[in-house]
């Protein structure tokens, strides 16, 4: 019988053994660390470039578009590098150890404001932000690939991804709530000084958390002894696309992140111009992040008992009903609207760790079906679909506002209607599509037998 070895540590362990609570929590540390840096990029880099560094908004928009497309294309390359990695620390873990410090240093450099001409500033921004995207990929893809290397057990993977979702939400909430006060405190009112100092603090914390993930998380799952480790790149891609469960999981995730890009982008417009409560914008943004955090905790208990596919379909159906109900209570009861909004986003937030758990199972299926286990490639290509989803959702929102003739000084009824439908109607359509995609995903019925076969 073929046993699955641990890359480090004494003796051999089965890949299905229960993981310790410390190891699961430590896995979540990786996403807290990621969000201390990438959460800053997503939440504050646009403001920093336009209002602190002094780059024109249009130029920043082009910068983001070019660098994010390039960043997404790097994902499969990094995934293949992980798959080819051989070290005493395993395939994924060495990157958490060695890339954390360069990642932290470059994140600080990105938020420094050298005294340059406008063209010089733009060149500096392209170089630093471009490199930051590359090095983020170099640590985040191995971090994602580590999960299916830790266990074959779906319930264990469900808990790992729940802790990951919790970690991401904690990082996002802390960055959203602490950054500007810390910038003013540490910079003494000088934001050009405050931003890099805050980023330095976040980087030290992030490096420490990545190192804890490296120290406490182990790679237990290796491909079967007869698995082909020399599969060429073209064949790996062909096999990946023939893995119908990976395709369904990637489409589901793509739709999840399209909705995220739309809802996160349109929320501020919706609260300002439809609800006409501009002072409530911080409240709803915080409520959205907290809902994602609760969704992660919710998944932690549900995924121990129920399949990712069935529970996700149920949560999405509930979310559809709640989003539809928001149309009825809009403008009538702030408390009821906020409560329905919060619960709907808990249901939606649940889908992320559940989908990552399904992704881990598709890697087991890939090994069982084709005799190869390219964790890095499958996780990185999945990551590409999520980044493309956010980019598409955000771009679609911008184009739609332009088509409707959006002018912040003269909001028309047509613009209000568009914003309302983008905030409530379009997410309903996307969520219905997700339920349809998951209907065809039935790997949960066969995964147990596949794992038994792999372990023999």
Protein backbone atom coordinates (compact mmCIF):
# COMPACT_ATOMS: atom_id res chain seq x y z
CA UNK A 1 0.00 0.00 0.00
CA UNK A 2 1.36 3.40 -0.97
CA UNK A 3 1.68 5.78 1.96
CA UNK A 4 1.87 9.53 1.72
CA UNK A 5 5.00 11.02 3.20
CA UNK A 6 5.52 14.21 5.08
CA UNK A 7 8.20 16.45 3.59
CA UNK A 8 9.49 17.42 7.01
CA UNK A 9 9.28 15.90 10.44
CA UNK A 10 9.79 12.42 11.80
CA UNK A 11 8.24 9.38 10.20
CA UNK A 12 5.31 9.09 7.84
CA UNK A 13 1.78 10.39 8.23
CA UNK A 14 -1.36 9.65 6.27
CA UNK A 15 -2.68 12.53 4.24
CA UNK A 16 -6.13 12.07 5.75
CA UNK A 17 -5.06 12.52 9.38
CA UNK A 18 -6.68 15.26 11.43
CA UNK A 19 -4.82 18.54 11.37
CA UNK A 20 -4.21 20.36 14.63
CA UNK A 21 -6.06 23.56 15.48
CA UNK A 22 -2.72 25.39 15.56
CA UNK A 23 -1.96 24.29 12.00
CA UNK A 24 -5.38 25.39 10.73
CA UNK A 25 -5.14 28.78 12.42
CA UNK A 26 -1.59 29.17 11.14
CA UNK A 27 -2.82 28.60 7.60
CA UNK A 28 -5.25 31.49 8.12
CA UNK A 29 -2.33 33.71 9.16
CA UNK A 30 -1.15 33.66 5.54
CA UNK A 31 -4.21 35.51 4.31
CA UNK A 32 -4.01 38.05 7.15
CA UNK A 33 -0.44 38.68 6.02
CA UNK A 34 -1.47 38.97 2.36
CA UNK A 35 -4.20 41.48 3.17
CA UNK A 36 -1.95 43.69 5.27
CA UNK A 37 -0.17 44.39 1.98
CA UNK A 38 -2.61 43.66 -0.83
CA UNK A 39 -5.52 45.07 1.18
CA UNK A 40 -3.58 48.34 1.27
CA UNK A 41 -3.12 48.16 -2.49
CA UNK A 42 -6.80 47.48 -3.16
CA UNK A 43 -8.16 50.02 -0.68
CA UNK A 44 -5.68 52.90 -0.65
CA UNK A 45 -3.22 52.79 -3.55
CA UNK A 46 -5.51 54.72 -5.93
CA UNK A 47 -6.00 57.44 -3.33
CA UNK A 48 -2.27 57.44 -2.55
CA UNK A 49 -1.28 57.81 -6.19
CA UNK A 50 -3.76 60.60 -6.98
CA UNK A 51 -3.89 62.58 -3.72
CA UNK A 52 -0.49 61.96 -2.10
CA UNK A 53 1.94 61.04 -4.86
CA UNK A 54 0.34 63.37 -7.41
CA UNK A 55 -0.32 61.20 -10.48
CA UNK A 56 -3.29 61.94 -12.75
CA UNK A 57 -6.28 59.64 -12.22
CA UNK A 58 -6.47 58.60 -15.89
CA UNK A 59 -2.80 57.62 -15.83
CA UNK A 60 -3.39 55.56 -12.68
CA UNK A 61 -6.32 53.81 -14.34
CA UNK A 62 -4.13 52.78 -17.27
CA UNK A 63 -1.39 51.71 -14.85
CA UNK A 64 -3.80 49.46 -12.95
CA UNK A 65 -5.25 47.92 -16.12
CA UNK A 66 -1.87 47.06 -17.66
CA UNK A 67 -0.23 45.78 -14.48
CA UNK A 68 -3.23 43.69 -13.36
CA UNK A 69 -3.48 41.92 -16.72
CA UNK A 70 0.26 41.23 -16.59
CA UNK A 71 -0.08 40.06 -12.98
CA UNK A 72 -2.86 37.61 -13.86
CA UNK A 73 -0.81 36.16 -16.73
CA UNK A 74 2.03 35.48 -14.30
CA UNK A 75 -0.10 33.16 -12.17
CA UNK A 76 0.18 29.97 -14.29
CA UNK A 77 3.92 30.55 -14.71
CA UNK A 78 4.39 30.70 -10.94
CA UNK A 79 2.17 27.66 -10.54
CA UNK A 80 4.40 25.62 -12.84
CA UNK A 81 7.48 26.82 -10.94
CA UNK A 82 5.93 25.54 -7.70
CA UNK A 83 5.18 22.18 -9.32
CA UNK A 84 8.83 21.82 -10.35
CA UNK A 85 10.22 22.89 -6.96
CA UNK A 86 12.10 20.30 -4.91
CA UNK A 87 13.58 21.29 -1.55
CA UNK A 88 13.95 20.05 1.99
CA UNK A 89 10.96 22.27 2.88
CA UNK A 90 8.71 20.88 0.15
CA UNK A 91 7.20 22.50 -2.94
CA UNK A 92 5.20 25.47 -1.61
CA UNK A 93 6.55 26.24 1.86
CA UNK A 94 10.01 27.54 0.82
CA UNK A 95 8.41 30.54 -0.88
CA UNK A 96 6.66 31.57 2.35
CA UNK A 97 10.05 31.55 4.05
CA UNK A 98 12.20 33.25 1.42
CA UNK A 99 9.83 35.64 -0.40
CA UNK A 100 8.18 37.21 2.68
CA UNK A 101 10.99 39.73 3.37
CA UNK A 102 11.35 40.98 -0.25
CA UNK A 103 7.55 41.24 -0.39
CA UNK A 104 7.52 43.41 2.73
CA UNK A 105 10.40 45.62 1.59
CA UNK A 106 8.92 46.23 -1.86
CA UNK A 107 5.51 47.07 -0.38
CA UNK A 108 7.12 49.89 1.63
CA UNK A 109 9.03 51.16 -1.40
CA UNK A 110 5.76 51.26 -3.37
CA UNK A 111 4.32 53.78 -0.88
CA UNK A 112 7.37 56.09 -0.87
CA UNK A 113 7.04 59.44 -2.70
CA UNK A 114 10.36 60.44 -4.29
CA UNK A 115 10.69 64.00 -5.56
CA UNK A 116 10.40 63.39 -9.31
CA UNK A 117 8.73 64.95 -12.34
CA UNK A 118 5.26 63.70 -13.27
CA UNK A 119 6.78 61.37 -15.87
CA UNK A 120 9.37 60.20 -13.37
CA UNK A 121 6.67 59.47 -10.80
CA UNK A 122 4.73 57.48 -13.36
CA UNK A 123 7.79 55.40 -14.26
CA UNK A 124 8.51 54.85 -10.55
CA UNK A 125 4.89 53.73 -10.00
CA UNK A 126 4.98 51.32 -12.95
CA UNK A 127 8.23 49.73 -11.76
CA UNK A 128 7.38 49.42 -8.07
CA UNK A 129 3.74 48.39 -8.48
CA UNK A 130 4.62 46.00 -11.30
CA UNK A 131 7.32 44.34 -9.23
CA UNK A 132 5.03 44.21 -6.20
CA UNK A 133 2.45 42.33 -8.28
CA UNK A 134 5.08 39.83 -9.44
CA UNK A 135 6.39 39.18 -5.94
CA UNK A 136 2.86 38.95 -4.54
CA UNK A 137 2.19 36.20 -7.07
CA UNK A 138 5.45 34.52 -6.01
CA UNK A 139 4.19 34.17 -2.43
CA UNK A 140 0.42 33.96 -2.85
CA UNK A 141 0.32 31.14 -5.44
CA UNK A 142 2.50 28.84 -3.25
CA UNK A 143 0.33 29.79 -0.26
CA UNK A 144 -2.80 28.71 -2.14
CA UNK A 145 -1.10 25.55 -3.43
CA UNK A 146 -0.12 24.59 0.13
CA UNK A 147 -3.74 23.81 1.12
CA UNK A 148 -4.25 20.66 -1.01
CA UNK A 149 -0.76 19.52 0.02
CA UNK A 150 -1.79 19.49 3.68
CA UNK A 151 -4.64 16.98 3.45
CA UNK A 152 -6.82 15.02 1.04
CA UNK A 153 -9.78 15.09 3.43
CA UNK A 154 -12.56 17.41 2.20
CA UNK A 155 -13.62 18.37 5.71
CA UNK A 156 -10.07 19.25 6.69
CA UNK A 157 -9.68 21.33 3.53
CA UNK A 158 -13.00 22.99 4.30
CA UNK A 159 -11.73 24.08 7.70
CA UNK A 160 -8.43 25.29 6.25
CA UNK A 161 -10.26 27.45 3.73
CA UNK A 162 -12.64 28.73 6.40
CA UNK A 163 -9.67 29.91 8.46
CA UNK A 164 -8.24 31.42 5.29
CA UNK A 165 -11.47 33.35 4.64
CA UNK A 166 -11.55 34.48 8.28
CA UNK A 167 -7.94 35.63 8.00
CA UNK A 168 -8.65 37.58 4.83
CA UNK A 169 -11.63 39.32 6.45
CA UNK A 170 -9.65 40.17 9.59
CA UNK A 171 -6.86 41.65 7.48
CA UNK A 172 -9.31 43.65 5.36
CA UNK A 173 -11.19 45.02 8.38
CA UNK A 174 -7.98 46.03 10.17
CA UNK A 175 -6.56 47.77 7.09
CA UNK A 176 -9.86 49.55 6.40
CA UNK A 177 -10.29 50.80 9.97
CA UNK A 178 -6.70 51.50 11.10
CA UNK A 179 -4.82 52.83 8.08
CA UNK A 180 -5.84 56.48 7.87
CA UNK A 181 -5.71 57.09 11.64
CA UNK A 182 -2.24 55.49 11.75
CA UNK A 183 -1.09 57.49 8.71
CA UNK A 184 -2.03 60.71 10.50
CA UNK A 185 -0.56 59.57 13.81
CA UNK A 186 2.78 58.25 12.56
CA UNK A 187 3.18 60.92 9.89
CA UNK A 188 2.21 63.79 12.17
CA UNK A 189 -0.21 65.02 9.51
CA UNK A 190 2.27 64.39 6.66
CA UNK A 191 0.76 61.63 4.53
CA UNK A 192 3.88 61.30 2.38
CA UNK A 193 5.67 60.21 5.55
CA UNK A 194 2.74 58.43 7.17
CA UNK A 195 1.92 55.99 4.37
CA UNK A 196 5.36 54.31 4.13
CA UNK A 197 5.63 54.18 7.94
CA UNK A 198 2.27 52.44 8.22
CA UNK A 199 3.24 50.10 5.39
CA UNK A 200 6.46 49.29 7.27
CA UNK A 201 4.45 48.33 10.37
CA UNK A 202 2.09 46.19 8.29
CA UNK A 203 5.02 44.56 6.49
CA UNK A 204 6.74 43.50 9.73
CA UNK A 205 3.47 41.94 10.92
CA UNK A 206 2.91 40.28 7.53
CA UNK A 207 6.42 38.80 7.39
CA UNK A 208 6.00 37.36 10.89
CA UNK A 209 2.64 35.80 9.97
CA UNK A 210 3.98 34.24 6.76
CA UNK A 211 6.83 32.73 8.76
CA UNK A 212 4.35 31.26 11.26
CA UNK A 213 2.44 29.71 8.37
CA UNK A 214 5.71 28.24 7.10
CA UNK A 215 6.69 26.94 10.55
CA UNK A 216 3.40 25.36 11.58
CA UNK A 217 1.94 24.06 8.29
CA UNK A 218 3.25 20.84 6.75
CA UNK A 219 3.05 19.34 3.27
CA UNK A 220 1.66 15.84 3.79
CA UNK A 221 0.24 14.96 0.38
CA UNK A 222 2.52 13.70 -2.36
CA UNK A 223 1.56 12.22 -5.70
CA UNK A 224 1.34 8.42 -5.90
CA UNK A 225 4.58 6.62 -6.53
CA UNK A 226 3.52 5.76 -10.09
CA UNK A 227 2.42 9.31 -10.92
CA UNK A 228 4.06 10.98 -13.91
CA UNK A 229 6.15 13.89 -12.61
CA UNK A 230 7.61 14.73 -16.00
CA UNK A 231 4.38 15.69 -17.76
CA UNK A 232 5.13 18.55 -20.15
CA UNK A 233 3.49 21.93 -19.84
CA UNK A 234 1.19 21.49 -22.84
CA UNK A 235 -0.04 18.13 -21.59
CA UNK A 236 -0.63 19.58 -18.10
CA UNK A 237 -2.83 22.33 -19.56
CA UNK A 238 -4.75 19.86 -21.73
CA UNK A 239 -5.38 17.56 -18.76
CA UNK A 240 -6.45 20.52 -16.62
CA UNK A 241 -9.05 21.56 -19.20
CA UNK A 242 -10.29 17.95 -19.41
CA UNK A 243 -10.81 18.01 -15.63
CA UNK A 244 -14.50 18.96 -15.79
CA UNK A 245 -14.71 19.56 -12.05
CA UNK A 246 -11.82 22.02 -12.13
CA UNK A 247 -13.53 23.83 -15.03
CA UNK A 248 -16.83 24.04 -13.12
CA UNK A 249 -15.07 25.23 -9.95
CA UNK A 250 -13.17 27.89 -11.89
CA UNK A 251 -16.34 29.14 -13.62
CA UNK A 252 -18.11 29.26 -10.26
CA UNK A 253 -15.25 31.23 -8.75
CA UNK A 254 -15.07 33.54 -11.78
CA UNK A 255 -18.76 34.40 -11.30
CA UNK A 256 -18.22 34.89 -7.54
CA UNK A 257 -15.45 37.41 -8.17
CA UNK A 258 -17.31 39.20 -10.98
CA UNK A 259 -20.09 39.83 -8.45
CA UNK A 260 -17.51 40.93 -5.88
CA UNK A 261 -15.99 43.43 -8.31
CA UNK A 262 -19.42 44.83 -9.14
CA UNK A 263 -20.86 44.98 -5.61
CA UNK A 264 -17.74 46.40 -3.98
CA UNK A 265 -17.43 49.04 -6.68
CA UNK A 266 -21.09 50.07 -6.90
CA UNK A 267 -21.83 50.10 -3.16
CA UNK A 268 -20.56 53.63 -2.58
CA UNK A 269 -22.64 54.92 -5.52
CA UNK A 270 -25.70 53.02 -4.32
CA UNK A 271 -25.56 54.40 -0.77
CA UNK A 272 -24.84 57.92 -2.02
CA UNK A 273 -27.30 58.25 -4.88
CA UNK A 274 -30.03 55.62 -4.39
CA UNK A 275 -30.34 55.37 -0.62
CA UNK A 276 -29.20 59.02 -0.44
CA UNK A 277 -27.35 58.38 2.84
CA UNK A 278 -23.74 59.43 2.09
CA UNK A 279 -22.85 59.42 5.78
CA UNK A 280 -23.67 55.68 5.86
CA UNK A 281 -21.01 54.69 3.30
CA UNK A 282 -18.41 53.66 5.97
CA UNK A 283 -21.11 51.72 7.79
CA UNK A 284 -22.09 49.64 4.76
CA UNK A 285 -18.47 49.06 3.72
CA UNK A 286 -17.65 47.78 7.22
CA UNK A 287 -20.86 45.73 7.27
CA UNK A 288 -19.83 44.06 4.01
CA UNK A 289 -16.40 43.07 5.40
CA UNK A 290 -17.89 41.82 8.66
CA UNK A 291 -20.43 39.75 6.72
CA UNK A 292 -17.57 38.05 4.86
CA UNK A 293 -15.89 37.37 8.22
CA UNK A 294 -19.06 35.81 9.62
CA UNK A 295 -19.44 33.80 6.43
CA UNK A 296 -16.00 32.32 7.07
CA UNK A 297 -16.94 31.34 10.63
CA UNK A 298 -20.22 29.95 9.32
CA UNK A 299 -18.36 27.81 6.79
CA UNK A 300 -16.06 26.54 9.53
CA UNK A 301 -18.93 24.63 11.16
CA UNK A 302 -21.06 23.80 8.12
CA UNK A 303 -18.25 22.34 5.99
CA UNK A 304 -17.43 19.85 8.76
CA UNK A 305 -20.79 18.14 8.20
CA UNK A 306 -22.05 18.91 4.72
CA UNK A 307 -20.63 18.89 1.20
CA UNK A 308 -19.31 22.14 -0.24
CA UNK A 309 -21.49 21.85 -3.32
CA UNK A 310 -24.85 21.23 -1.61
CA UNK A 311 -24.33 23.74 1.16
CA UNK A 312 -23.19 26.40 -1.33
CA UNK A 313 -26.29 25.91 -3.46
CA UNK A 314 -28.48 26.34 -0.39
CA UNK A 315 -26.64 29.48 0.73
CA UNK A 316 -26.87 30.99 -2.75
CA UNK A 317 -30.61 30.31 -2.98
CA UNK A 318 -31.11 32.07 0.37
CA UNK A 319 -28.94 34.97 -0.84
CA UNK A 320 -31.05 35.30 -4.01
CA UNK A 321 -34.23 35.58 -1.93
CA UNK A 322 -32.65 38.16 0.40
CA UNK A 323 -31.29 40.27 -2.45
CA UNK A 324 -34.74 40.25 -4.05
CA UNK A 325 -36.26 41.32 -0.71
CA UNK A 326 -33.94 44.35 -0.64
CA UNK A 327 -35.91 45.82 -3.54
CA UNK A 328 -39.03 45.76 -1.33
CA UNK A 329 -37.52 47.37 1.80
CA UNK A 330 -35.30 49.90 0.04
CA UNK A 331 -36.00 53.38 1.40
CA UNK A 332 -38.58 52.12 3.92
CA UNK A 333 -36.58 50.75 6.84
CA UNK A 334 -32.84 51.33 7.26
CA UNK A 335 -32.61 48.68 9.98
CA UNK A 336 -34.41 46.04 7.94
CA UNK A 337 -32.43 46.90 4.81
CA UNK A 338 -29.10 46.70 6.66
CA UNK A 339 -30.09 43.38 8.29
CA UNK A 340 -31.08 41.77 4.98
CA UNK A 341 -27.95 43.17 3.29
CA UNK A 342 -25.77 41.75 6.07
CA UNK A 343 -27.32 38.26 6.01
CA UNK A 344 -27.28 38.08 2.20
CA UNK A 345 -23.56 38.80 2.19
CA UNK A 346 -22.94 36.18 4.86
CA UNK A 347 -24.54 33.65 2.52
CA UNK A 348 -22.48 34.93 -0.40
CA UNK A 349 -19.28 35.05 1.68
CA UNK A 350 -19.78 31.39 2.60
CA UNK A 351 -19.25 30.47 -1.03
CA UNK A 352 -15.58 31.45 -1.14
CA UNK A 353 -14.13 28.92 1.36
CA UNK A 354 -16.56 26.30 0.03
CA UNK A 355 -15.32 26.88 -3.50
CA UNK A 356 -11.67 26.66 -2.42
CA UNK A 357 -12.50 23.33 -0.78
CA UNK A 358 -13.96 22.08 -4.06
CA UNK A 359 -10.78 23.26 -5.78
CA UNK A 360 -8.73 21.06 -3.45
CA UNK A 361 -10.92 18.08 -4.32
CA UNK A 362 -10.47 18.69 -8.06
CA UNK A 363 -6.71 18.30 -7.54
CA UNK A 364 -7.31 14.85 -6.04
CA UNK A 365 -9.53 14.06 -9.03
CA UNK A 366 -6.77 15.24 -11.42
CA UNK A 367 -4.31 12.83 -9.81
CA UNK A 368 -6.81 9.97 -9.86
CA UNK A 369 -7.91 10.60 -13.46
CA UNK A 370 -4.61 11.48 -15.16
CA UNK A 371 -1.89 10.29 -12.75
CA UNK A 372 -0.50 13.82 -12.23
CA UNK A 373 -0.85 16.21 -9.32
CA UNK A 374 0.10 19.74 -10.49
CA UNK A 375 -1.17 21.67 -7.45
CA UNK A 376 0.65 24.83 -8.47
CA UNK A 377 -0.78 24.92 -11.99
CA UNK A 378 -4.38 24.19 -10.95
CA UNK A 379 -4.34 26.68 -8.09
CA UNK A 380 -2.62 29.38 -10.16
CA UNK A 381 -4.98 28.98 -13.12
CA UNK A 382 -7.89 29.20 -10.69
CA UNK A 383 -6.29 32.37 -9.28
CA UNK A 384 -6.14 33.76 -12.81
CA UNK A 385 -9.90 33.27 -13.18
CA UNK A 386 -10.57 35.10 -9.91
CA UNK A 387 -8.36 38.07 -10.81
CA UNK A 388 -9.94 38.26 -14.26
CA UNK A 389 -13.39 38.12 -12.63
CA UNK A 390 -12.70 41.11 -10.37
CA UNK A 391 -11.19 43.07 -13.27
CA UNK A 392 -14.16 42.30 -15.50
CA UNK A 393 -16.70 43.19 -12.80
CA UNK A 394 -15.00 46.50 -11.99
CA UNK A 395 -14.58 47.40 -15.67
CA UNK A 396 -18.19 46.52 -16.49
CA UNK A 397 -19.36 48.85 -13.73
CA UNK A 398 -17.24 51.71 -15.07
CA UNK A 399 -18.46 51.19 -18.64
CA UNK A 400 -22.09 50.95 -17.52
CA UNK A 401 -21.87 54.22 -15.58
CA UNK A 402 -20.34 55.90 -18.61
CA UNK A 403 -23.07 54.52 -20.89
CA UNK A 404 -25.76 55.89 -18.57
CA UNK A 405 -24.17 59.36 -18.63
CA UNK A 406 -23.04 59.36 -15.01
CA UNK A 407 -22.33 62.86 -13.69
CA UNK A 408 -21.90 63.22 -9.90
CA UNK A 409 -23.25 66.77 -10.06
CA UNK A 410 -26.46 65.76 -11.86
CA UNK A 411 -27.75 62.27 -11.01
CA UNK A 412 -30.59 61.32 -13.32
CA UNK A 413 -33.32 58.75 -12.82
CA UNK A 414 -31.66 56.58 -15.47
CA UNK A 415 -28.40 56.58 -13.53
CA UNK A 416 -30.22 55.76 -10.28
CA UNK A 417 -32.00 52.85 -11.95
CA UNK A 418 -28.74 51.54 -13.39
CA UNK A 419 -26.98 51.74 -10.01
CA UNK A 420 -29.90 49.97 -8.30
CA UNK A 421 -29.90 47.14 -10.85
CA UNK A 422 -26.10 46.80 -10.67
CA UNK A 423 -26.25 46.60 -6.87
CA UNK A 424 -29.22 44.25 -6.47
CA UNK A 425 -30.43 42.88 -9.80
CA UNK A 426 -27.18 41.82 -11.47
CA UNK A 427 -25.89 39.98 -8.35
CA UNK A 428 -29.13 37.98 -8.37
CA UNK A 429 -28.55 36.94 -11.99
CA UNK A 430 -24.92 36.02 -11.27
CA UNK A 431 -25.89 33.98 -8.20
CA UNK A 432 -28.56 32.11 -10.18
CA UNK A 433 -25.85 31.24 -12.72
CA UNK A 434 -23.65 29.92 -9.89
CA UNK A 435 -26.42 27.61 -8.72
CA UNK A 436 -26.71 26.36 -12.29
CA UNK A 437 -22.96 25.70 -12.52
CA UNK A 438 -22.91 23.83 -9.20
CA UNK A 439 -25.83 21.66 -10.32
CA UNK A 440 -23.41 19.87 -12.68
CA UNK A 441 -20.67 19.47 -10.01
CA UNK A 442 -21.11 16.04 -8.44
CA UNK A 443 -17.55 15.25 -7.36
CA UNK A 444 -18.68 15.34 -3.72
CA UNK A 445 -20.46 12.01 -4.32
CA UNK A 446 -17.28 10.30 -5.51
CA UNK A 447 -14.45 12.07 -3.68
CA UNK A 448 -14.35 9.66 -0.73
CA UNK A 449 -13.82 6.66 -2.99
CA UNK A 450 -11.22 8.55 -5.03
CA UNK A 451 -9.22 9.31 -1.88
CA UNK A 452 -9.38 5.65 -0.79
CA UNK A 453 -8.09 4.62 -4.19
CA UNK A 454 -5.26 7.18 -4.05
CA UNK A 455 -4.19 6.03 -0.60
CA UNK A 456 -3.84 2.41 -1.72
